[in-house]
Amino acid sequence: METQNVLVINGHPDKISFNEEIAQTYLKEMEELGIKATYLPLRDLNFDPNLKYGYRVVSQLEPDLEHAIGLIKRSTHIVWIHPLWWFGLPAMMKGFIDRTFLPGVGFKYIDGKLKPLFTEKSARIISTGDGDAETYEKVFHNSGIVQLKTGILEFTGMEPVSVNYIESLIEKTPEEIVAYLDVVKAAAQEDFEMITNKVMA
């Protein structure tokens, strides 16, 4: 299904991590279903994550960021995989978004009104954490997921945005953690069905 460009972004800085297993599981499942997704592990990119001057001065984009922006623009479905650290995004991932989701790239304002530029794209968030989902929702109000889902992806026009929170990893045995990969496979299957239905519509 070459007409569909699926991009998988891994925001974990460590290659030897459960997030990497999640990414590889999703990629493999999607390929078995007929879609060869593009993989973008942020740890392999060479860029400064600091948006030094905000939007006051346009910073020169590194080649890796120019390439990444091209991948994002061409994609129709983007999967974001990341650990939940301090109830938010890893610094490298937040910096990547700061440097790539720029005015004129992810959004712009026309006569003072927001115009999202990443419409016609869907997304999925797969986030991992040591805390349980109930506490994360009731006490911390799903802070990191809300930031990424509502404040970034939906703000720039992506919809629908599906979410999987893989919880309580610190309490799980290695066997229980591996079993979570079935959730990832199911997510890939759901995404495939959505993408297929969109093409046929």
C-alpha atoms as a PDB file:
ATOM      1  CA  MET A   1       0.000   0.000   0.000  1.00  0.00           C
ATOM      2  CA  GLU A   2       2.529   2.535  -1.234  1.00  0.00           C
ATOM      3  CA  THR A   3       0.059   5.429  -1.330  1.00  0.00           C
ATOM      4  CA  GLN A   4       0.057   5.527   2.455  1.00  0.00           C
ATOM      5  CA  ASN A   5       3.119   6.953   4.181  1.00  0.00           C
ATOM      6  CA  VAL A   6       3.314   5.791   7.778  1.00  0.00           C
ATOM      7  CA  LEU A   7       6.032   7.376   9.909  1.00  0.00           C
ATOM      8  CA  VAL A   8       7.095   5.899  13.253  1.00  0.00           C
ATOM      9  CA  ILE A   9       8.958   8.332  15.529  1.00  0.00           C
ATOM     10  CA  ASN A  10      10.762   6.986  18.601  1.00  0.00           C
ATOM     11  CA  GLY A  11      11.513   9.640  21.215  1.00  0.00           C
ATOM     12  CA  HIS A  12      13.517   7.424  23.591  1.00  0.00           C
ATOM     13  CA  PRO A  13      17.234   8.328  23.603  1.00  0.00           C
ATOM     14  CA  ASP A  14      18.358   4.770  24.422  1.00  0.00           C
ATOM     15  CA  LYS A  15      18.368   2.109  21.707  1.00  0.00           C
ATOM     16  CA  ILE A  16      18.317  -0.645  24.330  1.00  0.00           C
ATOM     17  CA  SER A  17      14.887   0.194  25.706  1.00  0.00           C
ATOM     18  CA  PHE A  18      11.369  -1.175  25.748  1.00  0.00           C
ATOM     19  CA  ASN A  19      10.367   1.732  23.530  1.00  0.00           C
ATOM     20  CA  GLU A  20      12.661   0.304  20.832  1.00  0.00           C
ATOM     21  CA  GLU A  21      10.919  -3.065  21.157  1.00  0.00           C
ATOM     22  CA  ILE A  22       7.590  -1.290  20.799  1.00  0.00           C
ATOM     23  CA  ALA A  23       8.785   0.489  17.659  1.00  0.00           C
ATOM     24  CA  GLN A  24      10.123  -2.680  16.053  1.00  0.00           C
ATOM     25  CA  THR A  25       6.950  -4.592  16.927  1.00  0.00           C
ATOM     26  CA  TYR A  26       4.760  -1.911  15.356  1.00  0.00           C
ATOM     27  CA  LEU A  27       6.937  -1.723  12.234  1.00  0.00           C
ATOM     28  CA  LYS A  28       6.941  -5.497  11.788  1.00  0.00           C
ATOM     29  CA  GLU A  29       3.193  -5.834  12.306  1.00  0.00           C
ATOM     30  CA  MET A  30       2.484  -3.035   9.850  1.00  0.00           C
ATOM     31  CA  GLU A  31       4.792  -4.593   7.256  1.00  0.00           C
ATOM     32  CA  GLU A  32       3.072  -7.957   7.630  1.00  0.00           C
ATOM     33  CA  LEU A  33      -0.221  -6.184   6.969  1.00  0.00           C
ATOM     34  CA  GLY A  34       1.156  -4.665   3.780  1.00  0.00           C
ATOM     35  CA  ILE A  35       2.528  -1.239   4.736  1.00  0.00           C
ATOM     36  CA  LYS A  36       6.257  -0.587   4.986  1.00  0.00           C
ATOM     37  CA  ALA A  37       6.513   2.266   7.457  1.00  0.00           C
ATOM     38  CA  THR A  38       9.429   4.684   7.744  1.00  0.00           C
ATOM     39  CA  TYR A  39      11.311   4.620  11.046  1.00  0.00           C
ATOM     40  CA  LEU A  40      12.723   7.792  12.608  1.00  0.00           C
ATOM     41  CA  PRO A  41      14.549   7.223  15.925  1.00  0.00           C
ATOM     42  CA  LEU A  42      15.293  10.718  17.196  1.00  0.00           C
ATOM     43  CA  ARG A  43      18.447   9.540  18.966  1.00  0.00           C
ATOM     44  CA  ASP A  44      20.118   9.107  15.562  1.00  0.00           C
ATOM     45  CA  LEU A  45      19.549  12.700  14.486  1.00  0.00           C
ATOM     46  CA  ASN A  46      22.200  15.391  14.769  1.00  0.00           C
ATOM     47  CA  PHE A  47      20.505  18.608  15.874  1.00  0.00           C
ATOM     48  CA  ASP A  48      20.384  21.224  18.612  1.00  0.00           C
ATOM     49  CA  PRO A  49      17.124  20.678  20.557  1.00  0.00           C
ATOM     50  CA  ASN A  50      17.253  24.219  21.945  1.00  0.00           C
ATOM     51  CA  LEU A  51      15.017  26.745  20.171  1.00  0.00           C
ATOM     52  CA  LYS A  52      17.465  29.461  21.203  1.00  0.00           C
ATOM     53  CA  TYR A  53      15.568  32.557  20.137  1.00  0.00           C
ATOM     54  CA  GLY A  54      12.011  31.286  20.122  1.00  0.00           C
ATOM     55  CA  TYR A  55      10.360  32.560  16.971  1.00  0.00           C
ATOM     56  CA  ARG A  56      12.128  35.948  17.108  1.00  0.00           C
ATOM     57  CA  VAL A  57      15.031  34.705  14.986  1.00  0.00           C
ATOM     58  CA  VAL A  58      14.732  31.922  12.426  1.00  0.00           C
ATOM     59  CA  SER A  59      17.298  29.267  13.354  1.00  0.00           C
ATOM     60  CA  GLN A  60      19.178  27.440  10.610  1.00  0.00           C
ATOM     61  CA  LEU A  61      17.793  23.928  10.237  1.00  0.00           C
ATOM     62  CA  GLU A  62      20.279  21.085  10.401  1.00  0.00           C
ATOM     63  CA  PRO A  63      20.128  18.606   7.467  1.00  0.00           C
ATOM     64  CA  ASP A  64      18.620  15.930   9.722  1.00  0.00           C
ATOM     65  CA  LEU A  65      15.784  18.272  10.701  1.00  0.00           C
ATOM     66  CA  GLU A  66      15.150  19.256   7.090  1.00  0.00           C
ATOM     67  CA  HIS A  67      14.914  15.567   6.242  1.00  0.00           C
ATOM     68  CA  ALA A  68      12.608  14.912   9.206  1.00  0.00           C
ATOM     69  CA  ILE A  69      10.284  17.764   8.221  1.00  0.00           C
ATOM     70  CA  GLY A  70      10.071  16.273   4.747  1.00  0.00           C
ATOM     71  CA  LEU A  71       9.096  12.899   6.208  1.00  0.00           C
ATOM     72  CA  ILE A  72       6.437  14.498   8.402  1.00  0.00           C
ATOM     73  CA  LYS A  73       4.976  16.475   5.512  1.00  0.00           C
ATOM     74  CA  ARG A  74       4.788  13.393   3.274  1.00  0.00           C
ATOM     75  CA  SER A  75       3.293  11.151   5.940  1.00  0.00           C
ATOM     76  CA  THR A  76      -0.396  10.378   6.249  1.00  0.00           C
ATOM     77  CA  HIS A  77      -0.141   8.647   9.649  1.00  0.00           C
ATOM     78  CA  ILE A  78       2.444   9.325  12.365  1.00  0.00           C
ATOM     79  CA  VAL A  79       3.119   7.105  15.375  1.00  0.00           C
ATOM     80  CA  TRP A  80       4.825   8.735  18.360  1.00  0.00           C
ATOM     81  CA  ILE A  81       6.543   6.365  20.803  1.00  0.00           C
ATOM     82  CA  HIS A  82       8.049   7.773  23.982  1.00  0.00           C
ATOM     83  CA  PRO A  83       8.571   7.202  27.696  1.00  0.00           C
ATOM     84  CA  LEU A  84       6.728   9.411  30.149  1.00  0.00           C
ATOM     85  CA  TRP A  85       9.413  11.228  32.147  1.00  0.00           C
ATOM     86  CA  TRP A  86       8.357  13.664  34.874  1.00  0.00           C
ATOM     87  CA  PHE A  87       4.854  13.388  33.427  1.00  0.00           C
ATOM     88  CA  GLY A  88       6.017  14.854  30.140  1.00  0.00           C
ATOM     89  CA  LEU A  89       8.063  14.273  27.016  1.00  0.00           C
ATOM     90  CA  PRO A  90      11.787  13.440  26.985  1.00  0.00           C
ATOM     91  CA  ALA A  91      13.852  16.594  26.448  1.00  0.00           C
ATOM     92  CA  MET A  92      15.167  15.436  23.074  1.00  0.00           C
ATOM     93  CA  MET A  93      11.657  14.766  21.784  1.00  0.00           C
ATOM     94  CA  LYS A  94      10.322  18.097  23.029  1.00  0.00           C
ATOM     95  CA  GLY A  95      13.280  19.838  21.405  1.00  0.00           C
ATOM     96  CA  PHE A  96      12.646  18.007  18.140  1.00  0.00           C
ATOM     97  CA  ILE A  97       9.062  19.241  18.105  1.00  0.00           C
ATOM     98  CA  ASP A  98      10.155  22.780  19.016  1.00  0.00           C
ATOM     99  CA  ARG A  99      12.577  22.815  16.082  1.00  0.00           C
ATOM    100  CA  THR A 100      10.344  21.168  13.456  1.00  0.00           C
ATOM    101  CA  PHE A 101       6.725  22.150  14.185  1.00  0.00           C
ATOM    102  CA  LEU A 102       7.499  25.728  13.235  1.00  0.00           C
ATOM    103  CA  PRO A 103       5.236  28.530  12.026  1.00  0.00           C
ATOM    104  CA  GLY A 104       4.795  27.910   8.326  1.00  0.00           C
ATOM    105  CA  VAL A 105       5.476  24.207   8.797  1.00  0.00           C
ATOM    106  CA  GLY A 106       2.930  22.920  11.310  1.00  0.00           C
ATOM    107  CA  PHE A 107       0.671  25.953  11.532  1.00  0.00           C
ATOM    108  CA  LYS A 108       0.263  29.579  10.566  1.00  0.00           C
ATOM    109  CA  TYR A 109      -2.013  32.486  11.365  1.00  0.00           C
ATOM    110  CA  ILE A 110      -4.114  34.238   8.736  1.00  0.00           C
ATOM    111  CA  ASP A 111      -5.740  37.484   9.861  1.00  0.00           C
ATOM    112  CA  GLY A 112      -5.149  36.414  13.437  1.00  0.00           C
ATOM    113  CA  LYS A 113      -6.833  33.037  12.989  1.00  0.00           C
ATOM    114  CA  LEU A 114      -5.051  29.725  13.387  1.00  0.00           C
ATOM    115  CA  LYS A 115      -4.655  27.599  10.266  1.00  0.00           C
ATOM    116  CA  PRO A 116      -3.317  24.097  11.044  1.00  0.00           C
ATOM    117  CA  LEU A 117      -1.035  22.765   8.309  1.00  0.00           C
ATOM    118  CA  PHE A 118      -0.874  19.076   9.234  1.00  0.00           C
ATOM    119  CA  THR A 119      -4.452  18.290   8.270  1.00  0.00           C
ATOM    120  CA  GLU A 120      -5.159  15.077   6.358  1.00  0.00           C
ATOM    121  CA  LYS A 121      -2.879  13.279   8.824  1.00  0.00           C
ATOM    122  CA  SER A 122      -3.798  10.901  11.627  1.00  0.00           C
ATOM    123  CA  ALA A 123      -1.612   9.926  14.569  1.00  0.00           C
ATOM    124  CA  ARG A 124      -1.120   7.484  17.409  1.00  0.00           C
ATOM    125  CA  ILE A 125       0.705   7.982  20.699  1.00  0.00           C
ATOM    126  CA  ILE A 126       2.232   4.976  22.468  1.00  0.00           C
ATOM    127  CA  SER A 127       3.576   6.153  25.808  1.00  0.00           C
ATOM    128  CA  THR A 128       5.200   4.090  28.556  1.00  0.00           C
ATOM    129  CA  GLY A 129       5.433   4.825  32.262  1.00  0.00           C
ATOM    130  CA  ASP A 130       5.963   3.337  35.703  1.00  0.00           C
ATOM    131  CA  GLY A 131       2.770   4.817  37.156  1.00  0.00           C
ATOM    132  CA  ASP A 132      -0.676   3.288  36.818  1.00  0.00           C
ATOM    133  CA  ALA A 133      -3.161   4.765  34.370  1.00  0.00           C
ATOM    134  CA  GLU A 134      -5.785   5.617  37.002  1.00  0.00           C
ATOM    135  CA  THR A 135      -3.411   7.732  39.109  1.00  0.00           C
ATOM    136  CA  TYR A 136      -1.952   9.354  36.013  1.00  0.00           C
ATOM    137  CA  GLU A 137      -5.425  10.426  34.933  1.00  0.00           C
ATOM    138  CA  LYS A 138      -6.941  11.416  38.282  1.00  0.00           C
ATOM    139  CA  VAL A 139      -3.935  13.053  39.933  1.00  0.00           C
ATOM    140  CA  PHE A 140      -1.804  14.239  37.028  1.00  0.00           C
ATOM    141  CA  HIS A 141      -4.593  14.714  34.465  1.00  0.00           C
ATOM    142  CA  ASN A 142      -2.754  12.782  31.731  1.00  0.00           C
ATOM    143  CA  SER A 143      -0.428  15.790  31.493  1.00  0.00           C
ATOM    144  CA  GLY A 144       2.159  14.536  29.017  1.00  0.00           C
ATOM    145  CA  ILE A 145      -0.381  12.883  26.758  1.00  0.00           C
ATOM    146  CA  VAL A 146      -2.595  15.975  26.762  1.00  0.00           C
ATOM    147  CA  GLN A 147       0.427  18.093  25.834  1.00  0.00           C
ATOM    148  CA  LEU A 148       1.288  15.919  22.835  1.00  0.00           C
ATOM    149  CA  LYS A 149      -2.228  14.952  21.736  1.00  0.00           C
ATOM    150  CA  THR A 150      -4.106  18.213  22.201  1.00  0.00           C
ATOM    151  CA  GLY A 151      -1.436  20.879  22.438  1.00  0.00           C
ATOM    152  CA  ILE A 152       0.719  19.696  19.535  1.00  0.00           C
ATOM    153  CA  LEU A 153      -0.824  17.105  17.218  1.00  0.00           C
ATOM    154  CA  GLU A 154      -4.450  18.242  17.201  1.00  0.00           C
ATOM    155  CA  PHE A 155      -3.341  21.881  17.314  1.00  0.00           C
ATOM    156  CA  THR A 156      -1.539  21.347  14.008  1.00  0.00           C
ATOM    157  CA  GLY A 157      -4.515  19.555  12.473  1.00  0.00           C
ATOM    158  CA  MET A 158      -3.860  15.852  12.981  1.00  0.00           C
ATOM    159  CA  GLU A 159      -6.925  13.719  13.593  1.00  0.00           C
ATOM    160  CA  PRO A 160      -7.880  11.284  14.828  1.00  0.00           C
ATOM    161  CA  VAL A 161      -5.150  10.893  17.440  1.00  0.00           C
ATOM    162  CA  SER A 162      -5.296   7.526  19.214  1.00  0.00           C
ATOM    163  CA  VAL A 163      -3.520   6.883  22.524  1.00  0.00           C
ATOM    164  CA  ASN A 164      -2.067   3.828  24.237  1.00  0.00           C
ATOM    165  CA  TYR A 165      -0.569   4.264  27.697  1.00  0.00           C
ATOM    166  CA  ILE A 166       1.466   1.223  28.738  1.00  0.00           C
ATOM    167  CA  GLU A 167       1.402   1.450  32.513  1.00  0.00           C
ATOM    168  CA  SER A 168       3.109   0.258  35.692  1.00  0.00           C
ATOM    169  CA  LEU A 169       6.232  -1.098  33.999  1.00  0.00           C
ATOM    170  CA  ILE A 170       8.238  -0.928  37.221  1.00  0.00           C
ATOM    171  CA  GLU A 171       5.891  -3.469  38.807  1.00  0.00           C
ATOM    172  CA  LYS A 172       5.876  -5.935  35.921  1.00  0.00           C
ATOM    173  CA  THR A 173       7.915  -9.067  35.345  1.00  0.00           C
ATOM    174  CA  PRO A 174       9.878  -9.361  32.079  1.00  0.00           C
ATOM    175  CA  GLU A 175       7.214 -11.768  30.832  1.00  0.00           C
ATOM    176  CA  GLU A 176       4.421  -9.315  31.623  1.00  0.00           C
ATOM    177  CA  ILE A 177       6.267  -6.496  29.896  1.00  0.00           C
ATOM    178  CA  VAL A 178       6.736  -8.561  26.738  1.00  0.00           C
ATOM    179  CA  ALA A 179       3.012  -9.366  26.809  1.00  0.00           C
ATOM    180  CA  TYR A 180       2.369  -5.641  26.364  1.00  0.00           C
ATOM    181  CA  LEU A 181       3.651  -6.021  22.814  1.00  0.00           C
ATOM    182  CA  ASP A 182       0.319  -7.632  21.968  1.00  0.00           C
ATOM    183  CA  VAL A 183      -1.227  -4.222  22.677  1.00  0.00           C
ATOM    184  CA  VAL A 184       1.186  -2.715  20.161  1.00  0.00           C
ATOM    185  CA  LYS A 185       0.276  -5.305  17.529  1.00  0.00           C
ATOM    186  CA  ALA A 186      -3.406  -4.577  18.080  1.00  0.00           C
ATOM    187  CA  ALA A 187      -2.716  -0.849  17.713  1.00  0.00           C
ATOM    188  CA  ALA A 188      -0.983  -1.458  14.383  1.00  0.00           C
ATOM    189  CA  GLN A 189      -3.942  -3.528  13.215  1.00  0.00           C
ATOM    190  CA  GLU A 190      -6.375  -0.772  14.201  1.00  0.00           C
ATOM    191  CA  ASP A 191      -4.278   1.795  12.359  1.00  0.00           C
ATOM    192  CA  PHE A 192      -4.109  -0.406   9.274  1.00  0.00           C
ATOM    193  CA  GLU A 193      -7.884  -0.749   9.213  1.00  0.00           C
ATOM    194  CA  MET A 194      -8.330   3.004   9.620  1.00  0.00           C
ATOM    195  CA  ILE A 195      -5.833   3.758   6.863  1.00  0.00           C
ATOM    196  CA  THR A 196      -7.400   1.187   4.554  1.00  0.00           C
ATOM    197  CA  ASN A 197     -10.892   2.543   5.145  1.00  0.00           C
ATOM    198  CA  LYS A 198      -9.659   6.079   4.478  1.00  0.00           C
ATOM    199  CA  VAL A 199      -8.187   5.003   1.135  1.00  0.00           C
ATOM    200  CA  MET A 200     -11.400   3.245   0.125  1.00  0.00           C
ATOM    201  CA  ALA A 201     -13.647   6.153   1.169  1.00  0.00           C
END
